[in-house]
């Protein structure tokens, strides 16, 4: 008899990870694009584009959080990505 994997009811933890860490991840990805994308930070009309891209990117990340096996995995991976990207951004910008 094949083993059946029961899905864990971790939707709340995954939803919170996607909501909080997903938004933070969307912000840092847009920050990299804003500073180092075409035209740099002072490009014309780039502010409006960046503003509209945040919810699109955030909701994409949010929807993919349900593909993690557990809420703990979602928090660890999204949190790790945030730490790496924010740390890299601070180092690249000369903050340390």
PDB file of N, CA and C in Angstrom:
ATOM      1  N   UNK A   1       0.842  -1.180   0.000  1.00  0.00           N
ATOM      2  CA  UNK A   1       0.000   0.000   0.000  1.00  0.00           C
ATOM      3  C   UNK A   1       0.887   1.243   0.000  1.00  0.00           C
ATOM      4  N   UNK A   2       0.617   2.164  -0.883  1.00  0.00           N
ATOM      5  CA  UNK A   2       1.419   3.385  -0.999  1.00  0.00           C
ATOM      6  C   UNK A   2       1.154   4.306   0.186  1.00  0.00           C
ATOM      7  N   UNK A   3       2.223   4.971   0.617  1.00  0.00           N
ATOM      8  CA  UNK A   3       2.035   5.899   1.736  1.00  0.00           C
ATOM      9  C   UNK A   3       1.387   7.181   1.227  1.00  0.00           C
ATOM     10  N   UNK A   4       0.475   7.678   1.992  1.00  0.00           N
ATOM     11  CA  UNK A   4      -0.251   8.886   1.631  1.00  0.00           C
ATOM     12  C   UNK A   4       0.282  10.023   2.492  1.00  0.00           C
ATOM     13  N   UNK A   5       0.717  11.110   1.828  1.00  0.00           N
ATOM     14  CA  UNK A   5       1.206  12.270   2.562  1.00  0.00           C
ATOM     15  C   UNK A   5       0.033  13.182   2.865  1.00  0.00           C
ATOM     16  N   UNK A   6      -0.175  13.398   4.154  1.00  0.00           N
ATOM     17  CA  UNK A   6      -1.247  14.285   4.574  1.00  0.00           C
ATOM     18  C   UNK A   6      -0.752  15.722   4.528  1.00  0.00           C
ATOM     19  N   UNK A   7      -1.529  16.591   3.919  1.00  0.00           N
ATOM     20  CA  UNK A   7      -1.167  18.005   3.868  1.00  0.00           C
ATOM     21  C   UNK A   7      -1.380  18.627   5.241  1.00  0.00           C
ATOM     22  N   UNK A   8      -0.399  19.383   5.657  1.00  0.00           N
ATOM     23  CA  UNK A   8      -0.480  20.048   6.952  1.00  0.00           C
ATOM     24  C   UNK A   8      -1.253  21.359   6.812  1.00  0.00           C
ATOM     25  N   UNK A   9      -2.064  21.680   7.797  1.00  0.00           N
ATOM     26  CA  UNK A   9      -2.832  22.928   7.734  1.00  0.00           C
ATOM     27  C   UNK A   9      -1.967  24.133   8.128  1.00  0.00           C
ATOM     28  N   UNK A  10      -1.021  24.471   7.275  1.00  0.00           N
ATOM     29  CA  UNK A  10      -0.093  25.556   7.586  1.00  0.00           C
ATOM     30  C   UNK A  10      -0.380  26.800   6.748  1.00  0.00           C
ATOM     31  N   UNK A  11      -1.598  26.959   6.330  1.00  0.00           N
ATOM     32  CA  UNK A  11      -1.913  28.075   5.447  1.00  0.00           C
ATOM     33  C   UNK A  11      -1.745  29.424   6.143  1.00  0.00           C
ATOM     34  N   UNK A  12      -2.011  29.497   7.435  1.00  0.00           N
ATOM     35  CA  UNK A  12      -1.882  30.769   8.147  1.00  0.00           C
ATOM     36  C   UNK A  12      -0.419  31.209   8.222  1.00  0.00           C
ATOM     37  N   UNK A  13       0.460  30.293   8.570  1.00  0.00           N
ATOM     38  CA  UNK A  13       1.885  30.611   8.635  1.00  0.00           C
ATOM     39  C   UNK A  13       2.449  30.978   7.276  1.00  0.00           C
ATOM     40  N   UNK A  14       2.020  30.253   6.253  1.00  0.00           N
ATOM     41  CA  UNK A  14       2.472  30.559   4.895  1.00  0.00           C
ATOM     42  C   UNK A  14       1.928  31.915   4.437  1.00  0.00           C
ATOM     43  N   UNK A  15       0.687  32.197   4.780  1.00  0.00           N
ATOM     44  CA  UNK A  15       0.081  33.479   4.401  1.00  0.00           C
ATOM     45  C   UNK A  15       0.797  34.644   5.063  1.00  0.00           C
ATOM     46  N   UNK A  16       1.129  34.501   6.336  1.00  0.00           N
ATOM     47  CA  UNK A  16       1.845  35.561   7.036  1.00  0.00           C
ATOM     48  C   UNK A  16       3.256  35.741   6.484  1.00  0.00           C
ATOM     49  N   UNK A  17       3.912  34.645   6.152  1.00  0.00           N
ATOM     50  CA  UNK A  17       5.249  34.728   5.554  1.00  0.00           C
ATOM     51  C   UNK A  17       5.180  35.446   4.215  1.00  0.00           C
ATOM     52  N   UNK A  18       4.201  35.093   3.401  1.00  0.00           N
ATOM     53  CA  UNK A  18       4.056  35.743   2.103  1.00  0.00           C
ATOM     54  C   UNK A  18       3.682  37.204   2.235  1.00  0.00           C
ATOM     55  N   UNK A  19       2.860  37.507   3.207  1.00  0.00           N
ATOM     56  CA  UNK A  19       2.410  38.883   3.412  1.00  0.00           C
ATOM     57  C   UNK A  19       3.550  39.764   3.913  1.00  0.00           C
ATOM     58  N   UNK A  20       4.232  39.335   4.941  1.00  0.00           N
ATOM     59  CA  UNK A  20       5.268  40.161   5.569  1.00  0.00           C
ATOM     60  C   UNK A  20       6.596  40.076   4.818  1.00  0.00           C
ATOM     61  N   UNK A  21       7.121  38.869   4.707  1.00  0.00           N
ATOM     62  CA  UNK A  21       8.427  38.700   4.073  1.00  0.00           C
ATOM     63  C   UNK A  21       8.350  38.868   2.556  1.00  0.00           C
ATOM     64  N   UNK A  22       7.208  38.526   1.981  1.00  0.00           N
ATOM     65  CA  UNK A  22       7.039  38.716   0.541  1.00  0.00           C
ATOM     66  C   UNK A  22       7.047  40.189   0.165  1.00  0.00           C
ATOM     67  N   UNK A  23       6.414  41.014   0.983  1.00  0.00           N
ATOM     68  CA  UNK A  23       6.414  42.454   0.725  1.00  0.00           C
ATOM     69  C   UNK A  23       7.818  43.028   0.883  1.00  0.00           C
ATOM     70  N   UNK A  24       8.523  42.596   1.935  1.00  0.00           N
ATOM     71  CA  UNK A  24       9.895  43.064   2.136  1.00  0.00           C
ATOM     72  C   UNK A  24      10.789  42.636   0.971  1.00  0.00           C
ATOM     73  N   UNK A  25      10.578  41.431   0.474  1.00  0.00           N
ATOM     74  CA  UNK A  25      11.356  40.940  -0.663  1.00  0.00           C
ATOM     75  C   UNK A  25      11.037  41.730  -1.927  1.00  0.00           C
ATOM     76  N   UNK A  26       9.779  42.057  -2.130  1.00  0.00           N
ATOM     77  CA  UNK A  26       9.398  42.871  -3.295  1.00  0.00           C
ATOM     78  C   UNK A  26      10.045  44.247  -3.216  1.00  0.00           C
ATOM     79  N   UNK A  27      10.079  44.845  -2.026  1.00  0.00           N
ATOM     80  CA  UNK A  27      10.703  46.164  -1.857  1.00  0.00           C
ATOM     81  C   UNK A  27      12.190  46.135  -2.213  1.00  0.00           C
ATOM     82  N   UNK A  28      12.908  45.134  -1.738  1.00  0.00           N
ATOM     83  CA  UNK A  28      14.348  45.115  -1.986  1.00  0.00           C
ATOM     84  C   UNK A  28      14.654  44.796  -3.442  1.00  0.00           C
ATOM     85  N   UNK A  29      13.854  43.959  -4.068  1.00  0.00           N
ATOM     86  CA  UNK A  29      14.066  43.680  -5.493  1.00  0.00           C
ATOM     87  C   UNK A  29      13.826  44.932  -6.328  1.00  0.00           C
ATOM     88  N   UNK A  30      12.807  45.699  -5.980  1.00  0.00           N
ATOM     89  CA  UNK A  30      12.538  46.946  -6.696  1.00  0.00           C
ATOM     90  C   UNK A  30      13.619  47.980  -6.377  1.00  0.00           C
ATOM     91  N   UNK A  31      14.160  47.960  -5.172  1.00  0.00           N
ATOM     92  CA  UNK A  31      15.249  48.887  -4.818  1.00  0.00           C
ATOM     93  C   UNK A  31      16.476  48.616  -5.678  1.00  0.00           C
ATOM     94  N   UNK A  32      16.813  47.337  -5.867  1.00  0.00           N
ATOM     95  CA  UNK A  32      17.938  47.010  -6.749  1.00  0.00           C
ATOM     96  C   UNK A  32      17.679  47.515  -8.161  1.00  0.00           C
ATOM     97  N   UNK A  33      16.463  47.310  -8.661  1.00  0.00           N
ATOM     98  CA  UNK A  33      16.137  47.779 -10.010  1.00  0.00           C
ATOM     99  C   UNK A  33      16.174  49.304 -10.078  1.00  0.00           C
ATOM    100  N   UNK A  34      15.662  49.959  -9.053  1.00  0.00           N
ATOM    101  CA  UNK A  34      15.623  51.425  -9.056  1.00  0.00           C
ATOM    102  C   UNK A  34      17.027  52.012  -9.091  1.00  0.00           C
ATOM    103  N   UNK A  35      17.925  51.473  -8.302  1.00  0.00           N
ATOM    104  CA  UNK A  35      19.269  52.030  -8.224  1.00  0.00           C
ATOM    105  C   UNK A  35      20.173  51.581  -9.361  1.00  0.00           C
ATOM    106  N   UNK A  36      20.043  50.328  -9.770  1.00  0.00           N
ATOM    107  CA  UNK A  36      21.016  49.779 -10.722  1.00  0.00           C
ATOM    108  C   UNK A  36      20.416  49.399 -12.069  1.00  0.00           C
ATOM    109  N   UNK A  37      19.143  49.632 -12.257  1.00  0.00           N
ATOM    110  CA  UNK A  37      18.500  49.363 -13.540  1.00  0.00           C
ATOM    111  C   UNK A  37      18.796  50.457 -14.550  1.00  0.00           C
ATOM    112  N   UNK A  38      18.163  50.411 -15.695  1.00  0.00           N
ATOM    113  CA  UNK A  38      18.415  51.402 -16.748  1.00  0.00           C
ATOM    114  C   UNK A  38      18.184  52.832 -16.266  1.00  0.00           C
ATOM    115  N   UNK A  39      19.177  53.679 -16.454  1.00  0.00           N
ATOM    116  CA  UNK A  39      19.053  55.083 -16.089  1.00  0.00           C
ATOM    117  C   UNK A  39      19.335  55.399 -14.642  1.00  0.00           C
ATOM    118  N   UNK A  40      19.530  54.396 -13.811  1.00  0.00           N
ATOM    119  CA  UNK A  40      19.804  54.641 -12.392  1.00  0.00           C
ATOM    120  C   UNK A  40      18.592  55.196 -11.663  1.00  0.00           C
ATOM    121  N   UNK A  41      18.839  55.768 -10.514  1.00  0.00           N
ATOM    122  CA  UNK A  41      17.761  56.252  -9.653  1.00  0.00           C
ATOM    123  C   UNK A  41      17.088  57.505 -10.208  1.00  0.00           C
ATOM    124  N   UNK A  42      17.779  58.256 -11.041  1.00  0.00           N
ATOM    125  CA  UNK A  42      17.233  59.515 -11.551  1.00  0.00           C
ATOM    126  C   UNK A  42      16.581  59.408 -12.921  1.00  0.00           C
ATOM    127  N   UNK A  43      16.310  58.194 -13.380  1.00  0.00           N
ATOM    128  CA  UNK A  43      15.688  58.029 -14.695  1.00  0.00           C
ATOM    129  C   UNK A  43      14.281  58.614 -14.692  1.00  0.00           C
ATOM    130  N   UNK A  44      13.920  59.180 -15.805  1.00  0.00           N
ATOM    131  CA  UNK A  44      12.602  59.802 -15.936  1.00  0.00           C
ATOM    132  C   UNK A  44      11.498  58.739 -15.902  1.00  0.00           C
ATOM    133  N   UNK A  45      10.459  58.991 -15.173  1.00  0.00           N
ATOM    134  CA  UNK A  45       9.273  58.129 -15.045  1.00  0.00           C
ATOM    135  C   UNK A  45       9.563  56.773 -14.405  1.00  0.00           C
ATOM    136  N   UNK A  46      10.738  56.568 -13.883  1.00  0.00           N
ATOM    137  CA  UNK A  46      11.073  55.291 -13.261  1.00  0.00           C
ATOM    138  C   UNK A  46      10.367  55.119 -11.918  1.00  0.00           C
ATOM    139  N   UNK A  47      10.121  56.207 -11.225  1.00  0.00           N
ATOM    140  CA  UNK A  47       9.455  56.139  -9.921  1.00  0.00           C
ATOM    141  C   UNK A  47       8.055  55.545 -10.074  1.00  0.00           C
ATOM    142  N   UNK A  48       7.329  55.996 -11.064  1.00  0.00           N
ATOM    143  CA  UNK A  48       5.980  55.492 -11.299  1.00  0.00           C
ATOM    144  C   UNK A  48       5.994  54.004 -11.650  1.00  0.00           C
ATOM    145  N   UNK A  49       6.946  53.617 -12.501  1.00  0.00           N
ATOM    146  CA  UNK A  49       7.063  52.208 -12.876  1.00  0.00           C
ATOM    147  C   UNK A  49       7.365  51.347 -11.656  1.00  0.00           C
ATOM    148  N   UNK A  50       8.310  51.795 -10.836  1.00  0.00           N
ATOM    149  CA  UNK A  50       8.667  51.037  -9.634  1.00  0.00           C
ATOM    150  C   UNK A  50       7.480  50.909  -8.693  1.00  0.00           C
ATOM    151  N   UNK A  51       6.731  51.985  -8.547  1.00  0.00           N
ATOM    152  CA  UNK A  51       5.575  51.973  -7.670  1.00  0.00           C
ATOM    153  C   UNK A  51       4.548  50.929  -8.122  1.00  0.00           C
ATOM    154  N   UNK A  52       4.329  50.824  -9.423  1.00  0.00           N
ATOM    155  CA  UNK A  52       3.346  49.875  -9.940  1.00  0.00           C
ATOM    156  C   UNK A  52       3.865  48.443  -9.940  1.00  0.00           C
ATOM    157  N   UNK A  53       5.170  48.255  -9.938  1.00  0.00           N
ATOM    158  CA  UNK A  53       5.729  46.908  -9.953  1.00  0.00           C
ATOM    159  C   UNK A  53       5.722  46.236  -8.582  1.00  0.00           C
ATOM    160  N   UNK A  54       5.704  47.013  -7.518  1.00  0.00           N
ATOM    161  CA  UNK A  54       5.738  46.421  -6.175  1.00  0.00           C
ATOM    162  C   UNK A  54       4.563  45.482  -5.924  1.00  0.00           C
ATOM    163  N   UNK A  55       3.301  45.885  -6.140  1.00  0.00           N
ATOM    164  CA  UNK A  55       2.219  44.927  -5.858  1.00  0.00           C
ATOM    165  C   UNK A  55       2.222  43.718  -6.791  1.00  0.00           C
ATOM    166  N   UNK A  56       2.656  43.905  -8.025  1.00  0.00           N
ATOM    167  CA  UNK A  56       2.710  42.769  -8.951  1.00  0.00           C
ATOM    168  C   UNK A  56       3.731  41.754  -8.460  1.00  0.00           C
ATOM    169  N   UNK A  57       4.896  42.228  -8.085  1.00  0.00           N
ATOM    170  CA  UNK A  57       5.949  41.344  -7.583  1.00  0.00           C
ATOM    171  C   UNK A  57       5.555  40.731  -6.249  1.00  0.00           C
ATOM    172  N   UNK A  58       4.976  41.542  -5.370  1.00  0.00           N
ATOM    173  CA  UNK A  58       4.567  41.051  -4.054  1.00  0.00           C
ATOM    174  C   UNK A  58       3.524  39.938  -4.178  1.00  0.00           C
ATOM    175  N   UNK A  59       2.516  40.148  -4.973  1.00  0.00           N
ATOM    176  CA  UNK A  59       1.465  39.135  -5.108  1.00  0.00           C
ATOM    177  C   UNK A  59       1.971  37.866  -5.790  1.00  0.00           C
ATOM    178  N   UNK A  60       2.957  38.003  -6.662  1.00  0.00           N
ATOM    179  CA  UNK A  60       3.561  36.823  -7.269  1.00  0.00           C
ATOM    180  C   UNK A  60       4.304  36.012  -6.212  1.00  0.00           C
ATOM    181  N   UNK A  61       5.107  36.682  -5.402  1.00  0.00           N
ATOM    182  CA  UNK A  61       5.822  36.002  -4.317  1.00  0.00           C
ATOM    183  C   UNK A  61       4.825  35.408  -3.333  1.00  0.00           C
ATOM    184  N   UNK A  62       3.805  36.181  -2.989  1.00  0.00           N
ATOM    185  CA  UNK A  62       2.777  35.720  -2.041  1.00  0.00           C
ATOM    186  C   UNK A  62       2.105  34.440  -2.528  1.00  0.00           C
ATOM    187  N   UNK A  63       1.782  34.385  -3.807  1.00  0.00           N
ATOM    188  CA  UNK A  63       1.095  33.202  -4.325  1.00  0.00           C
ATOM    189  C   UNK A  63       1.996  31.973  -4.336  1.00  0.00           C
ATOM    190  N   UNK A  64       3.297  32.167  -4.530  1.00  0.00           N
ATOM    191  CA  UNK A  64       4.213  31.037  -4.545  1.00  0.00           C
ATOM    192  C   UNK A  64       4.543  30.515  -3.150  1.00  0.00           C
ATOM    193  N   UNK A  65       4.202  31.241  -2.100  1.00  0.00           N
ATOM    194  CA  UNK A  65       4.500  30.762  -0.750  1.00  0.00           C
ATOM    195  C   UNK A  65       3.706  29.504  -0.412  1.00  0.00           C
ATOM    196  N   UNK A  66       2.608  29.280  -1.077  1.00  0.00           N
ATOM    197  CA  UNK A  66       1.801  28.089  -0.801  1.00  0.00           C
ATOM    198  C   UNK A  66       2.419  26.825  -1.392  1.00  0.00           C
ATOM    199  N   UNK A  67       3.479  26.972  -2.169  1.00  0.00           N
ATOM    200  CA  UNK A  67       4.165  25.804  -2.719  1.00  0.00           C
ATOM    201  C   UNK A  67       5.228  25.255  -1.762  1.00  0.00           C
ATOM    202  N   UNK A  68       5.531  25.980  -0.682  1.00  0.00           N
ATOM    203  CA  UNK A  68       6.466  25.463   0.312  1.00  0.00           C
ATOM    204  C   UNK A  68       5.820  24.296   1.047  1.00  0.00           C
ATOM    205  N   UNK A  69       6.647  23.383   1.529  1.00  0.00           N
ATOM    206  CA  UNK A  69       6.131  22.208   2.236  1.00  0.00           C
ATOM    207  C   UNK A  69       5.555  22.544   3.603  1.00  0.00           C
ATOM    208  N   UNK A  70       6.086  23.585   4.236  1.00  0.00           N
ATOM    209  CA  UNK A  70       5.601  23.961   5.562  1.00  0.00           C
ATOM    210  C   UNK A  70       5.748  25.469   5.739  1.00  0.00           C
ATOM    211  N   UNK A  71       5.096  25.972   6.754  1.00  0.00           N
ATOM    212  CA  UNK A  71       5.208  27.396   7.070  1.00  0.00           C
ATOM    213  C   UNK A  71       6.619  27.720   7.538  1.00  0.00           C
ATOM    214  N   UNK A  72       7.223  26.801   8.266  1.00  0.00           N
ATOM    215  CA  UNK A  72       8.595  27.010   8.740  1.00  0.00           C
ATOM    216  C   UNK A  72       9.548  27.167   7.559  1.00  0.00           C
ATOM    217  N   UNK A  73       9.397  26.336   6.558  1.00  0.00           N
ATOM    218  CA  UNK A  73      10.240  26.424   5.372  1.00  0.00           C
ATOM    219  C   UNK A  73      10.020  27.756   4.649  1.00  0.00           C
ATOM    220  N   UNK A  74       8.787  28.202   4.564  1.00  0.00           N
ATOM    221  CA  UNK A  74       8.489  29.484   3.915  1.00  0.00           C
ATOM    222  C   UNK A  74       9.161  30.632   4.665  1.00  0.00           C
ATOM    223  N   UNK A  75       9.049  30.632   5.988  1.00  0.00           N
ATOM    224  CA  UNK A  75       9.663  31.692   6.796  1.00  0.00           C
ATOM    225  C   UNK A  75      11.181  31.671   6.667  1.00  0.00           C
ATOM    226  N   UNK A  76      11.774  30.469   6.697  1.00  0.00           N
ATOM    227  CA  UNK A  76      13.235  30.371   6.625  1.00  0.00           C
ATOM    228  C   UNK A  76      13.770  30.799   5.265  1.00  0.00           C
ATOM    229  N   UNK A  77      13.158  30.351   4.200  1.00  0.00           N
ATOM    230  CA  UNK A  77      13.658  30.685   2.866  1.00  0.00           C
ATOM    231  C   UNK A  77      13.419  32.156   2.539  1.00  0.00           C
ATOM    232  N   UNK A  78      12.215  32.636   2.764  1.00  0.00           N
ATOM    233  CA  UNK A  78      11.938  34.049   2.479  1.00  0.00           C
ATOM    234  C   UNK A  78      12.739  34.970   3.407  1.00  0.00           C
ATOM    235  N   UNK A  79      12.852  34.586   4.669  1.00  0.00           N
ATOM    236  CA  UNK A  79      13.654  35.375   5.599  1.00  0.00           C
ATOM    237  C   UNK A  79      15.121  35.386   5.218  1.00  0.00           C
ATOM    238  N   UNK A  80      15.642  34.236   4.809  1.00  0.00           N
ATOM    239  CA  UNK A  80      17.027  34.162   4.365  1.00  0.00           C
ATOM    240  C   UNK A  80      17.288  35.000   3.126  1.00  0.00           C
ATOM    241  N   UNK A  81      16.370  34.936   2.184  1.00  0.00           N
ATOM    242  CA  UNK A  81      16.508  35.767   0.985  1.00  0.00           C
ATOM    243  C   UNK A  81      16.495  37.251   1.332  1.00  0.00           C
ATOM    244  N   UNK A  82      15.625  37.632   2.244  1.00  0.00           N
ATOM    245  CA  UNK A  82      15.577  39.026   2.680  1.00  0.00           C
ATOM    246  C   UNK A  82      16.886  39.450   3.326  1.00  0.00           C
ATOM    247  N   UNK A  83      17.409  38.622   4.218  1.00  0.00           N
ATOM    248  CA  UNK A  83      18.665  38.961   4.884  1.00  0.00           C
ATOM    249  C   UNK A  83      19.813  39.103   3.887  1.00  0.00           C
ATOM    250  N   UNK A  84      19.899  38.178   2.953  1.00  0.00           N
ATOM    251  CA  UNK A  84      20.964  38.217   1.950  1.00  0.00           C
ATOM    252  C   UNK A  84      20.839  39.459   1.072  1.00  0.00           C
ATOM    253  N   UNK A  85      19.636  39.715   0.561  1.00  0.00           N
ATOM    254  CA  UNK A  85      19.461  40.843  -0.355  1.00  0.00           C
ATOM    255  C   UNK A  85      19.589  42.190   0.334  1.00  0.00           C
ATOM    256  N   UNK A  86      19.019  42.340   1.523  1.00  0.00           N
ATOM    257  CA  UNK A  86      19.154  43.609   2.247  1.00  0.00           C
ATOM    258  C   UNK A  86      20.615  43.830   2.658  1.00  0.00           C
ATOM    259  N   UNK A  87      21.274  42.763   3.110  1.00  0.00           N
ATOM    260  CA  UNK A  87      22.684  42.881   3.453  1.00  0.00           C
ATOM    261  C   UNK A  87      23.526  43.252   2.249  1.00  0.00           C
ATOM    262  N   UNK A  88      23.263  42.603   1.117  1.00  0.00           N
ATOM    263  CA  UNK A  88      23.984  42.934  -0.113  1.00  0.00           C
ATOM    264  C   UNK A  88      23.738  44.357  -0.552  1.00  0.00           C
ATOM    265  N   UNK A  89      22.509  44.813  -0.418  1.00  0.00           N
ATOM    266  CA  UNK A  89      22.185  46.182  -0.815  1.00  0.00           C
ATOM    267  C   UNK A  89      22.919  47.190   0.058  1.00  0.00           C
ATOM    268  N   UNK A  90      22.959  46.928   1.341  1.00  0.00           N
ATOM    269  CA  UNK A  90      23.666  47.840   2.256  1.00  0.00           C
ATOM    270  C   UNK A  90      25.157  47.860   1.944  1.00  0.00           C
ATOM    271  N   UNK A  91      25.732  46.704   1.679  1.00  0.00           N
ATOM    272  CA  UNK A  91      27.156  46.644   1.351  1.00  0.00           C
ATOM    273  C   UNK A  91      27.444  47.355   0.031  1.00  0.00           C
ATOM    274  N   UNK A  92      26.624  47.090  -0.991  1.00  0.00           N
ATOM    275  CA  UNK A  92      26.839  47.711  -2.304  1.00  0.00           C
ATOM    276  C   UNK A  92      26.667  49.226  -2.240  1.00  0.00           C
ATOM    277  N   UNK A  93      25.723  49.691  -1.452  1.00  0.00           N
ATOM    278  CA  UNK A  93      25.486  51.129  -1.327  1.00  0.00           C
ATOM    279  C   UNK A  93      26.532  51.795  -0.446  1.00  0.00           C
ATOM    280  N   UNK A  94      27.414  51.022   0.167  1.00  0.00           N
ATOM    281  CA  UNK A  94      28.487  51.590   0.981  1.00  0.00           C
ATOM    282  C   UNK A  94      28.077  51.919   2.394  1.00  0.00           C
ATOM    283  N   UNK A  95      27.053  51.209   2.885  1.00  0.00           N
ATOM    284  CA  UNK A  95      26.555  51.480   4.232  1.00  0.00           C
ATOM    285  C   UNK A  95      27.439  50.921   5.325  1.00  0.00           C
ATOM    286  N   UNK A  96      28.284  49.948   5.004  1.00  0.00           N
ATOM    287  CA  UNK A  96      29.159  49.361   6.037  1.00  0.00           C
ATOM    288  C   UNK A  96      30.610  49.564   5.700  1.00  0.00           C
TER     289      UNK A  96
END
